[in-house]
Amino acid sequence: MKDKKLLIIDDDVDILSAARLFLKRHFEEVVIEKNPEKIPFLLNNYEFDLILLDMNFTQDVNTGREGFQWLDRILDLKPKSKVVLFTAYGDVEMAVKAIKLGAKDFVLKPWDNDKLLNTLKGALGEETEEKITGTNLLIGESDAMKTVMETMQRVAQTDANILILGENGTGKDLMAQALHQNSGRKEEPFIRVDLAAIPDTLVESELFGHIKGSFTDAREDRKGKFEEAHKGTLFLDEIGNLSLPIQSKLLTVLQNRQVSRVGENKERKVDFRLISATNSPIFEESTNGKFRQDLLYRINTISLEMPPLRERGNDIILLGEHFHELYAAKYNRPLDGLSHALKKEMLRNPWPGNVRELQHAIERAVILSRNNKLEVEDVFGNVSRMKASTTAELKSYDLEEMEKKLITKALKQFNGNISDAAKELGLSRAALYRRIEKYEI
């Protein structure tokens, strides 16, 4: 972006100064302006590659009305202008509306420097994977998403332990990141541990660390994830996979806020905020002895349940359009949106892999489509026929039965290839392995 010119418009002088100080290292020129009334003069006399526009100025505070007015004015004067909005979490619904009206994206205040930079790169067409998988995918108009986002805003600033529940692909990891970015620990480390991907024999060492010689491959002292997350946030994904002995040690750490490395008796103090997530029926498991009830109480001060995509209504279309725009830019495919027939089919589809499945389906469709618009066959293809035939075989609408049938069909379709079947279903390899074991396929 060293050859690009950026215009920033905000009535807060401190925000203008901070944004300019950071962004002048990444742009050829950064122009700041406090008074939005000067926008017409600036656009008529200078050329800008990108405009960063606040949504609220002096009148109609926090309604976003001025932001919409100035966005319209900018696009009237310069229809090809690329505009990114400054907003706050409470204004995200307005920001989504503004994107429909022509804005490229929005940046949440207070911003994270890396996310701000990635958003601006994305708006300029310099797409990044962070932009594709960022927390903006949590945005939605459905009541279910509004509820979970409102709860997130209320609890993020606390140090309460959070348990995030939900099916695979619903965005539990993105919610964990959002909690961290909106907390008082946002400048400190965010450490993610995928417990489903770590062999049982290595979990203790990964979490608590080890000293040299404590076991065969321990060639040097090593910090565990608790120590790495000191002062920051530790996110334990798929916590339901922990064995009972490790659960006991985790409970001790949570109670004492001290950790002992494997092979060492020394206690080390750790200061962290714990966020956990699982797609397993952890409350049921706590009653049948598979998960410790006392640990569940510790990790579940507040619970957030991510809604499945099939319960999010028109969010499916919003996300589909979002992915279409991102991947069309990434792969340089000038496609003209989603067809009406495709939108109807997307709303009917159960999306067992949730947002992750939708993302993969749209990416594949953008790459392979031969149409001007994405059509039903581009997104669903053989998968649509596979699901249709599966549904026809079902004797009921039992979700577990349906999931087992879909997994069986996918494995058969890809000749037992776990990676291909997992991608088609919108699951991780570890998640698919767990379901294969669960259903004894």
Protein backbone atom coordinates (compact mmCIF):
# COMPACT_ATOMS: atom_id res chain seq x y z
CA MET A 1 0.00 0.00 0.00
CA LYS A 2 3.08 2.25 -0.16
CA ASP A 3 1.79 3.85 -3.37
CA LYS A 4 -1.75 4.50 -2.05
CA LYS A 5 -3.33 7.67 -0.67
CA LEU A 6 -5.70 7.48 2.29
CA LEU A 7 -8.25 10.02 3.55
CA ILE A 8 -9.45 9.71 7.18
CA ILE A 9 -12.52 11.65 8.32
CA ASP A 10 -13.42 11.68 12.03
CA ASP A 11 -14.41 14.47 14.43
CA ASP A 12 -12.25 13.00 17.21
CA VAL A 13 -8.81 14.60 16.99
CA ASP A 14 -7.20 11.87 19.11
CA ILE A 15 -8.48 9.15 16.77
CA LEU A 16 -7.22 11.09 13.74
CA SER A 17 -3.78 11.48 15.27
CA ALA A 18 -3.50 7.86 16.37
CA ALA A 19 -4.70 6.51 13.02
CA ARG A 20 -2.36 8.77 11.05
CA LEU A 21 0.63 7.93 13.26
CA PHE A 22 0.10 4.20 12.62
CA LEU A 23 -0.98 4.27 8.97
CA LYS A 24 1.56 6.74 7.58
CA ARG A 25 4.08 3.89 7.68
CA HIS A 26 1.92 1.88 5.31
CA PHE A 27 0.54 4.49 2.87
CA GLU A 28 2.26 6.96 0.59
CA GLU A 29 0.13 9.75 2.03
CA VAL A 30 -2.44 9.97 4.85
CA VAL A 31 -4.74 13.00 4.88
CA ILE A 32 -6.84 13.62 8.00
CA GLU A 33 -9.91 15.83 8.27
CA LYS A 34 -12.08 16.65 11.29
CA ASN A 35 -14.90 18.44 9.43
CA PRO A 36 -16.99 16.22 7.09
CA GLU A 37 -18.28 19.35 5.32
CA LYS A 38 -14.90 19.54 3.59
CA ILE A 39 -15.38 16.13 1.93
CA PRO A 40 -16.67 17.56 -1.41
CA PHE A 41 -13.70 19.94 -1.66
CA LEU A 42 -11.20 17.19 -0.92
CA LEU A 43 -12.71 14.74 -3.40
CA ASN A 44 -12.99 17.35 -6.16
CA ASN A 45 -9.40 18.50 -5.78
CA TYR A 46 -7.49 15.37 -4.80
CA GLU A 47 -7.46 11.67 -5.64
CA PHE A 48 -7.67 9.12 -2.85
CA ASP A 49 -7.33 5.35 -3.17
CA LEU A 50 -9.25 4.73 0.05
CA ILE A 51 -11.45 6.67 2.48
CA LEU A 52 -11.83 5.83 6.17
CA LEU A 53 -15.08 7.45 7.33
CA ASP A 54 -16.58 7.79 10.81
CA MET A 55 -20.30 6.97 11.11
CA ASN A 56 -21.15 9.52 13.80
CA PHE A 57 -20.27 13.20 13.97
CA THR A 58 -21.81 16.02 16.00
CA GLN A 59 -25.53 15.72 15.25
CA ASP A 60 -27.78 12.70 15.76
CA VAL A 61 -25.14 11.15 18.02
CA ASN A 62 -24.73 7.36 17.63
CA THR A 63 -27.54 6.99 15.06
CA GLY A 64 -25.13 6.57 12.14
CA ARG A 65 -27.34 8.84 10.06
CA GLU A 66 -24.51 11.20 9.17
CA GLY A 67 -22.35 8.27 8.13
CA PHE A 68 -25.01 7.12 5.68
CA GLN A 69 -25.45 10.65 4.34
CA TRP A 70 -21.76 11.19 3.76
CA LEU A 71 -21.33 7.72 2.28
CA ASP A 72 -24.06 8.56 -0.25
CA ARG A 73 -22.41 11.93 -0.98
CA ILE A 74 -19.01 10.36 -1.51
CA LEU A 75 -20.38 7.74 -3.89
CA ASP A 76 -22.33 10.42 -5.78
CA LEU A 77 -19.19 12.49 -6.27
CA LYS A 78 -16.87 9.55 -6.90
CA PRO A 79 -18.87 6.35 -7.64
CA LYS A 80 -15.77 4.15 -7.62
CA SER A 81 -14.57 5.34 -4.19
CA LYS A 82 -13.56 2.65 -1.74
CA VAL A 83 -14.97 3.54 1.67
CA VAL A 84 -14.31 1.79 4.98
CA LEU A 85 -16.35 2.84 8.01
CA PHE A 86 -15.26 3.52 11.57
CA THR A 87 -17.82 2.17 14.02
CA ALA A 88 -18.32 0.50 17.41
CA TYR A 89 -19.76 -2.91 18.30
CA GLY A 90 -23.08 -1.29 19.18
CA ASP A 91 -23.30 0.03 15.61
CA VAL A 92 -22.53 -3.15 13.69
CA GLU A 93 -26.07 -3.50 12.38
CA MET A 94 -25.75 -0.04 10.85
CA ALA A 95 -22.36 -0.97 9.44
CA VAL A 96 -23.80 -4.06 7.74
CA LYS A 97 -26.51 -1.85 6.23
CA ALA A 98 -23.84 0.59 5.03
CA ILE A 99 -21.98 -2.22 3.27
CA LYS A 100 -25.16 -3.01 1.38
CA LEU A 101 -25.26 0.67 0.37
CA GLY A 102 -21.73 0.63 -1.05
CA ALA A 103 -19.13 0.65 1.74
CA LYS A 104 -16.36 -1.91 1.40
CA ASP A 105 -16.05 -2.88 5.06
CA PHE A 106 -15.92 -1.46 8.56
CA VAL A 107 -13.41 -1.18 11.40
CA LEU A 108 -14.44 -1.55 15.02
CA LYS A 109 -13.40 1.02 17.61
CA PRO A 110 -11.14 0.73 19.48
CA TRP A 111 -9.25 -0.97 16.68
CA ASP A 112 -6.54 -3.59 16.69
CA ASN A 113 -3.67 -2.42 14.47
CA ASP A 114 -3.27 -5.70 12.61
CA LYS A 115 -7.00 -6.02 11.97
CA LEU A 116 -7.21 -2.38 10.84
CA LEU A 117 -4.40 -2.94 8.39
CA ASN A 118 -5.89 -6.19 7.06
CA THR A 119 -9.29 -4.53 6.60
CA LEU A 120 -7.78 -1.68 4.62
CA LYS A 121 -5.76 -4.11 2.51
CA GLY A 122 -8.92 -6.09 1.82
CA ALA A 123 -10.81 -2.95 0.78
CA LEU A 124 -8.02 -2.15 -1.67
CA GLY A 125 -8.21 -5.65 -3.10
CA GLU A 126 -5.10 -6.87 -1.30
CA GLU A 127 -6.97 -9.79 0.26
CA THR A 128 -5.67 -11.61 3.31
CA GLU A 129 -6.72 -14.82 4.98
CA GLU A 130 -7.19 -12.87 8.22
CA LYS A 131 -9.85 -10.81 6.46
CA ILE A 132 -11.61 -13.95 5.25
CA THR A 133 -11.67 -15.62 8.64
CA GLY A 134 -11.83 -12.53 10.85
CA THR A 135 -14.36 -11.80 13.56
CA ASN A 136 -16.51 -9.84 11.10
CA LEU A 137 -18.00 -13.24 10.22
CA LEU A 138 -19.79 -13.09 13.56
CA ILE A 139 -21.95 -10.26 12.30
CA GLY A 140 -25.53 -11.12 11.42
CA GLU A 141 -29.04 -9.70 11.40
CA SER A 142 -30.73 -12.73 12.97
CA ASP A 143 -32.09 -12.53 16.51
CA ALA A 144 -29.90 -15.50 17.45
CA MET A 145 -26.68 -13.71 16.48
CA LYS A 146 -27.76 -10.41 17.97
CA THR A 147 -28.37 -12.13 21.30
CA VAL A 148 -25.00 -13.86 21.42
CA MET A 149 -23.15 -10.70 20.33
CA GLU A 150 -24.90 -8.61 22.97
CA THR A 151 -23.88 -11.13 25.63
CA MET A 152 -20.31 -11.10 24.32
CA GLN A 153 -20.17 -7.32 24.67
CA ARG A 154 -21.39 -7.49 28.28
CA VAL A 155 -18.93 -10.15 29.45
CA ALA A 156 -15.82 -9.38 27.37
CA GLN A 157 -14.46 -6.75 29.77
CA THR A 158 -14.71 -9.10 32.74
CA ASP A 159 -12.22 -11.83 33.60
CA ALA A 160 -14.98 -14.42 33.95
CA ASN A 161 -14.25 -17.88 32.56
CA ILE A 162 -16.31 -18.37 29.39
CA LEU A 163 -17.55 -21.64 27.89
CA ILE A 164 -18.54 -21.40 24.22
CA LEU A 165 -20.91 -24.09 23.00
CA GLY A 166 -22.03 -24.95 19.50
CA GLU A 167 -21.70 -27.25 16.54
CA ASN A 168 -18.57 -27.41 14.40
CA GLY A 169 -18.19 -24.52 12.03
CA THR A 170 -20.40 -22.07 13.93
CA GLY A 171 -17.54 -19.70 14.79
CA LYS A 172 -16.58 -20.66 18.34
CA ASP A 173 -12.93 -19.76 17.70
CA LEU A 174 -13.94 -16.40 16.22
CA MET A 175 -16.07 -15.68 19.28
CA ALA A 176 -13.08 -16.47 21.52
CA GLN A 177 -10.97 -13.98 19.54
CA ALA A 178 -13.72 -11.36 19.78
CA LEU A 179 -13.88 -11.82 23.57
CA HIS A 180 -10.12 -11.32 23.80
CA GLN A 181 -10.06 -8.29 21.48
CA ASN A 182 -12.77 -6.59 23.53
CA SER A 183 -11.16 -7.34 26.89
CA GLY A 184 -8.64 -5.50 29.02
CA ARG A 185 -6.10 -8.14 27.99
CA LYS A 186 -6.26 -7.41 24.25
CA GLU A 187 -2.66 -6.15 24.12
CA GLU A 188 -1.42 -9.40 25.70
CA PRO A 189 -1.13 -12.88 24.10
CA PHE A 190 -4.10 -14.85 22.81
CA ILE A 191 -3.04 -18.51 22.97
CA ARG A 192 -5.22 -21.09 21.23
CA VAL A 193 -4.91 -24.81 21.96
CA ASP A 194 -6.80 -27.32 19.78
CA LEU A 195 -7.11 -30.19 22.22
CA ALA A 196 -8.63 -32.44 19.56
CA ALA A 197 -5.41 -32.26 17.54
CA ILE A 198 -2.98 -33.13 20.37
CA PRO A 199 -2.27 -36.79 21.21
CA ASP A 200 -3.27 -37.71 24.77
CA THR A 201 0.35 -38.44 25.65
CA LEU A 202 1.42 -34.87 24.83
CA VAL A 203 -1.47 -32.86 26.27
CA GLU A 204 0.08 -32.48 29.74
CA SER A 205 3.37 -31.23 28.32
CA GLU A 206 1.60 -28.83 25.92
CA LEU A 207 -0.52 -27.27 28.63
CA PHE A 208 1.83 -27.25 31.60
CA GLY A 209 5.29 -27.39 29.98
CA HIS A 210 8.17 -29.68 30.88
CA ILE A 211 11.81 -29.64 31.96
CA LYS A 212 14.72 -31.21 30.13
CA GLY A 213 14.90 -34.98 30.62
CA SER A 214 11.41 -35.34 32.09
CA PHE A 215 10.59 -37.80 29.28
CA THR A 216 12.33 -39.30 26.23
CA ASP A 217 11.89 -36.41 23.78
CA ALA A 218 12.25 -33.61 26.36
CA ARG A 219 15.58 -32.26 25.11
CA GLU A 220 15.19 -28.81 26.68
CA ASP A 221 13.04 -26.89 29.14
CA ARG A 222 9.79 -25.70 27.59
CA LYS A 223 6.98 -23.39 28.66
CA GLY A 224 3.45 -24.71 28.53
CA LYS A 225 0.46 -22.86 27.10
CA PHE A 226 -0.56 -21.53 30.53
CA GLU A 227 2.77 -19.75 30.86
CA GLU A 228 2.62 -18.50 27.26
CA ALA A 229 -0.79 -16.99 28.02
CA HIS A 230 0.47 -15.13 31.12
CA LYS A 231 -1.36 -11.75 31.36
CA GLY A 232 -3.42 -12.70 28.31
CA THR A 233 -6.12 -15.19 27.26
CA LEU A 234 -5.90 -18.97 27.00
CA PHE A 235 -8.43 -20.55 24.63
CA LEU A 236 -8.90 -24.31 25.09
CA ASP A 237 -10.79 -25.51 22.02
CA GLU A 238 -12.59 -28.87 22.25
CA ILE A 239 -12.10 -29.05 26.02
CA GLY A 240 -14.43 -32.05 26.13
CA ASN A 241 -11.53 -34.14 24.75
CA LEU A 242 -9.48 -33.86 27.94
CA SER A 243 -8.88 -37.08 29.85
CA LEU A 244 -9.99 -37.24 33.50
CA PRO A 245 -6.40 -37.08 34.88
CA ILE A 246 -5.68 -33.90 32.87
CA GLN A 247 -9.05 -32.49 33.93
CA SER A 248 -7.95 -32.90 37.54
CA LYS A 249 -4.69 -31.04 36.93
CA LEU A 250 -6.50 -28.30 35.03
CA LEU A 251 -8.87 -27.84 37.97
CA THR A 252 -5.89 -27.41 40.31
CA VAL A 253 -4.38 -24.73 38.06
CA LEU A 254 -7.68 -22.86 37.90
CA GLN A 255 -8.05 -22.96 41.68
CA ASN A 256 -4.47 -21.99 42.58
CA ARG A 257 -3.41 -19.97 39.52
CA GLN A 258 -0.10 -21.83 39.65
CA VAL A 259 1.37 -24.37 37.25
CA SER A 260 4.06 -27.05 37.60
CA ARG A 261 5.95 -28.20 34.53
CA VAL A 262 6.18 -31.94 33.89
CA GLY A 263 9.15 -33.31 35.86
CA GLU A 264 9.34 -30.32 38.21
CA ASN A 265 7.90 -29.59 41.64
CA LYS A 266 8.33 -25.82 41.41
CA GLU A 267 5.07 -23.84 41.26
CA ARG A 268 4.96 -20.92 38.82
CA LYS A 269 2.31 -18.21 39.15
CA VAL A 270 0.19 -17.60 36.06
CA ASP A 271 -2.32 -14.84 35.33
CA PHE A 272 -4.71 -15.68 32.50
CA ARG A 273 -8.31 -15.44 31.37
CA LEU A 274 -9.73 -18.84 30.35
CA ILE A 275 -12.06 -19.33 27.41
CA SER A 276 -13.11 -22.88 26.54
CA ALA A 277 -15.17 -24.34 23.73
CA THR A 278 -16.73 -27.66 22.84
CA ASN A 279 -19.22 -29.21 20.45
CA SER A 280 -19.78 -32.20 22.73
CA PRO A 281 -22.75 -32.56 25.14
CA ILE A 282 -20.55 -31.55 28.05
CA PHE A 283 -23.37 -31.13 30.59
CA GLU A 284 -24.59 -34.65 29.86
CA GLU A 285 -21.01 -35.93 30.09
CA SER A 286 -20.63 -34.28 33.49
CA THR A 287 -23.54 -36.34 34.83
CA ASN A 288 -22.25 -39.68 33.52
CA GLY A 289 -18.70 -39.22 34.81
CA LYS A 290 -16.93 -38.41 31.53
CA PHE A 291 -16.31 -34.80 32.50
CA ARG A 292 -15.73 -33.52 36.04
CA GLN A 293 -18.65 -31.50 37.38
CA ASP A 294 -16.40 -29.35 39.58
CA LEU A 295 -14.28 -28.46 36.54
CA LEU A 296 -17.40 -27.66 34.51
CA TYR A 297 -18.49 -25.22 37.20
CA ARG A 298 -15.07 -23.56 37.03
CA ILE A 299 -14.94 -23.10 33.25
CA ASN A 300 -18.62 -22.19 32.91
CA THR A 301 -19.00 -18.92 34.80
CA ILE A 302 -20.69 -17.63 31.63
CA SER A 303 -21.74 -19.75 28.64
CA LEU A 304 -22.27 -18.54 25.08
CA GLU A 305 -24.03 -20.80 22.60
CA MET A 306 -23.23 -20.19 18.94
CA PRO A 307 -26.37 -20.76 16.85
CA PRO A 308 -26.18 -23.21 13.95
CA LEU A 309 -26.38 -21.63 10.52
CA ARG A 310 -29.74 -23.27 9.77
CA GLU A 311 -31.26 -21.18 12.59
CA ARG A 312 -29.82 -17.86 11.38
CA GLY A 313 -32.26 -17.19 8.54
CA ASN A 314 -31.12 -14.47 6.13
CA ASP A 315 -27.64 -14.45 7.68
CA ILE A 316 -26.98 -17.35 5.30
CA ILE A 317 -27.41 -15.00 2.34
CA LEU A 318 -25.37 -12.20 3.96
CA LEU A 319 -22.50 -14.60 4.62
CA GLY A 320 -22.78 -16.13 1.16
CA GLU A 321 -22.54 -12.70 -0.46
CA HIS A 322 -19.64 -11.83 1.83
CA PHE A 323 -17.68 -14.93 0.82
CA HIS A 324 -18.57 -14.41 -2.84
CA GLU A 325 -17.13 -10.89 -2.80
CA LEU A 326 -13.97 -11.96 -0.98
CA TYR A 327 -13.17 -14.95 -3.15
CA ALA A 328 -14.14 -13.24 -6.39
CA ALA A 329 -11.50 -10.61 -5.57
CA LYS A 330 -8.96 -13.17 -4.36
CA TYR A 331 -9.21 -15.34 -7.49
CA ASN A 332 -9.89 -12.45 -9.89
CA ARG A 333 -13.26 -13.86 -10.97
CA PRO A 334 -15.67 -11.03 -12.02
CA LEU A 335 -18.89 -12.82 -11.03
CA ASP A 336 -22.15 -10.91 -10.65
CA GLY A 337 -23.35 -12.17 -7.27
CA LEU A 338 -25.67 -15.05 -6.33
CA SER A 339 -28.66 -16.05 -8.41
CA HIS A 340 -32.17 -15.92 -6.93
CA ALA A 341 -32.49 -19.70 -7.29
CA LEU A 342 -29.22 -20.22 -5.42
CA LYS A 343 -30.35 -18.00 -2.55
CA LYS A 344 -33.55 -20.00 -2.19
CA GLU A 345 -31.60 -23.27 -2.16
CA MET A 346 -29.13 -21.89 0.39
CA LEU A 347 -31.99 -21.05 2.74
CA ARG A 348 -33.41 -24.58 2.38
CA ASN A 349 -30.09 -26.36 2.94
CA PRO A 350 -29.44 -27.64 6.52
CA TRP A 351 -25.69 -26.74 6.45
CA PRO A 352 -24.45 -29.41 8.88
CA GLY A 353 -20.97 -27.89 8.63
CA ASN A 354 -22.38 -24.42 9.34
CA VAL A 355 -20.43 -21.27 8.37
CA ARG A 356 -17.28 -23.24 7.59
CA GLU A 357 -19.19 -25.44 5.15
CA LEU A 358 -20.78 -22.39 3.51
CA GLN A 359 -17.37 -20.72 3.17
CA HIS A 360 -15.81 -23.76 1.50
CA ALA A 361 -18.80 -24.20 -0.81
CA ILE A 362 -18.70 -20.58 -2.00
CA GLU A 363 -14.92 -20.61 -2.47
CA ARG A 364 -15.12 -23.76 -4.58
CA ALA A 365 -18.01 -22.34 -6.57
CA VAL A 366 -16.20 -19.08 -7.33
CA ILE A 367 -13.19 -21.00 -8.64
CA LEU A 368 -15.14 -23.48 -10.79
CA SER A 369 -18.21 -21.52 -11.95
CA ARG A 370 -18.67 -21.01 -15.71
CA ASN A 371 -21.70 -18.74 -15.23
CA ASN A 372 -22.02 -14.97 -14.90
CA LYS A 373 -23.63 -15.51 -11.51
CA LEU A 374 -23.18 -18.29 -8.98
CA GLU A 375 -25.93 -20.83 -9.62
CA VAL A 376 -27.32 -23.74 -7.59
CA GLU A 377 -25.15 -26.32 -9.36
CA ASP A 378 -22.00 -24.25 -8.72
CA VAL A 379 -22.45 -24.33 -4.95
CA PHE A 380 -24.15 -27.67 -4.37
CA GLY A 381 -23.44 -29.94 -7.33
CA ASN A 382 -22.89 -33.54 -6.21
CA VAL A 383 -23.23 -32.51 -2.59
CA SER A 384 -26.81 -31.40 -3.21
CA ARG A 385 -27.64 -34.75 -4.79
CA MET A 386 -25.86 -36.60 -2.01
CA LYS A 387 -27.89 -34.79 0.64
CA ALA A 388 -31.11 -35.21 -1.28
CA SER A 389 -30.61 -38.95 -1.61
CA THR A 390 -29.62 -39.17 2.05
CA THR A 391 -32.74 -37.32 3.15
CA ALA A 392 -34.86 -39.67 1.05
CA GLU A 393 -33.38 -42.64 2.90
CA LEU A 394 -34.14 -41.25 6.33
CA LYS A 395 -37.10 -42.56 8.25
CA SER A 396 -37.14 -39.48 10.48
CA TYR A 397 -35.59 -36.04 10.87
CA ASP A 398 -33.30 -37.22 13.68
CA LEU A 399 -30.16 -35.05 13.36
CA GLU A 400 -27.73 -37.74 14.52
CA GLU A 401 -29.14 -40.21 12.00
CA MET A 402 -28.88 -37.58 9.28
CA GLU A 403 -25.30 -36.74 10.25
CA LYS A 404 -24.29 -40.42 10.22
CA LYS A 405 -25.83 -40.88 6.76
CA LEU A 406 -24.09 -37.77 5.39
CA ILE A 407 -20.69 -38.87 6.73
CA THR A 408 -21.15 -42.37 5.29
CA LYS A 409 -22.10 -40.93 1.90
CA ALA A 410 -19.17 -38.49 1.90
CA LEU A 411 -16.66 -41.22 2.78
CA LYS A 412 -18.05 -43.41 0.04
CA GLN A 413 -18.01 -40.56 -2.48
CA PHE A 414 -14.33 -39.84 -1.77
CA ASN A 415 -13.28 -43.49 -1.44
CA GLY A 416 -12.49 -43.17 2.25
CA ASN A 417 -10.26 -40.11 1.88
CA ILE A 418 -10.66 -38.38 5.26
CA SER A 419 -9.26 -35.01 4.16
CA ASP A 420 -11.54 -34.69 1.12
CA ALA A 421 -14.61 -35.92 2.98
CA ALA A 422 -13.95 -33.55 5.90
CA LYS A 423 -13.56 -30.56 3.59
CA GLU A 424 -16.76 -31.42 1.71
CA LEU A 425 -18.67 -31.70 5.00
CA GLY A 426 -17.18 -28.49 6.39
CA LEU A 427 -15.44 -30.31 9.26
CA SER A 428 -11.87 -30.56 10.49
CA ARG A 429 -10.11 -33.93 10.12
CA ALA A 430 -10.15 -34.36 13.91
CA ALA A 431 -13.88 -33.60 14.08
CA LEU A 432 -14.61 -36.14 11.33
CA TYR A 433 -12.51 -38.79 13.07
CA ARG A 434 -14.49 -38.23 16.28
CA ARG A 435 -17.79 -38.67 14.45
CA ILE A 436 -16.56 -41.82 12.69
CA GLU A 437 -15.69 -43.25 16.09
CA LYS A 438 -18.94 -42.02 17.64
CA TYR A 439 -21.13 -43.61 14.97
CA GLU A 440 -18.83 -46.64 14.55
CA ILE A 441 -18.67 -46.08 10.80
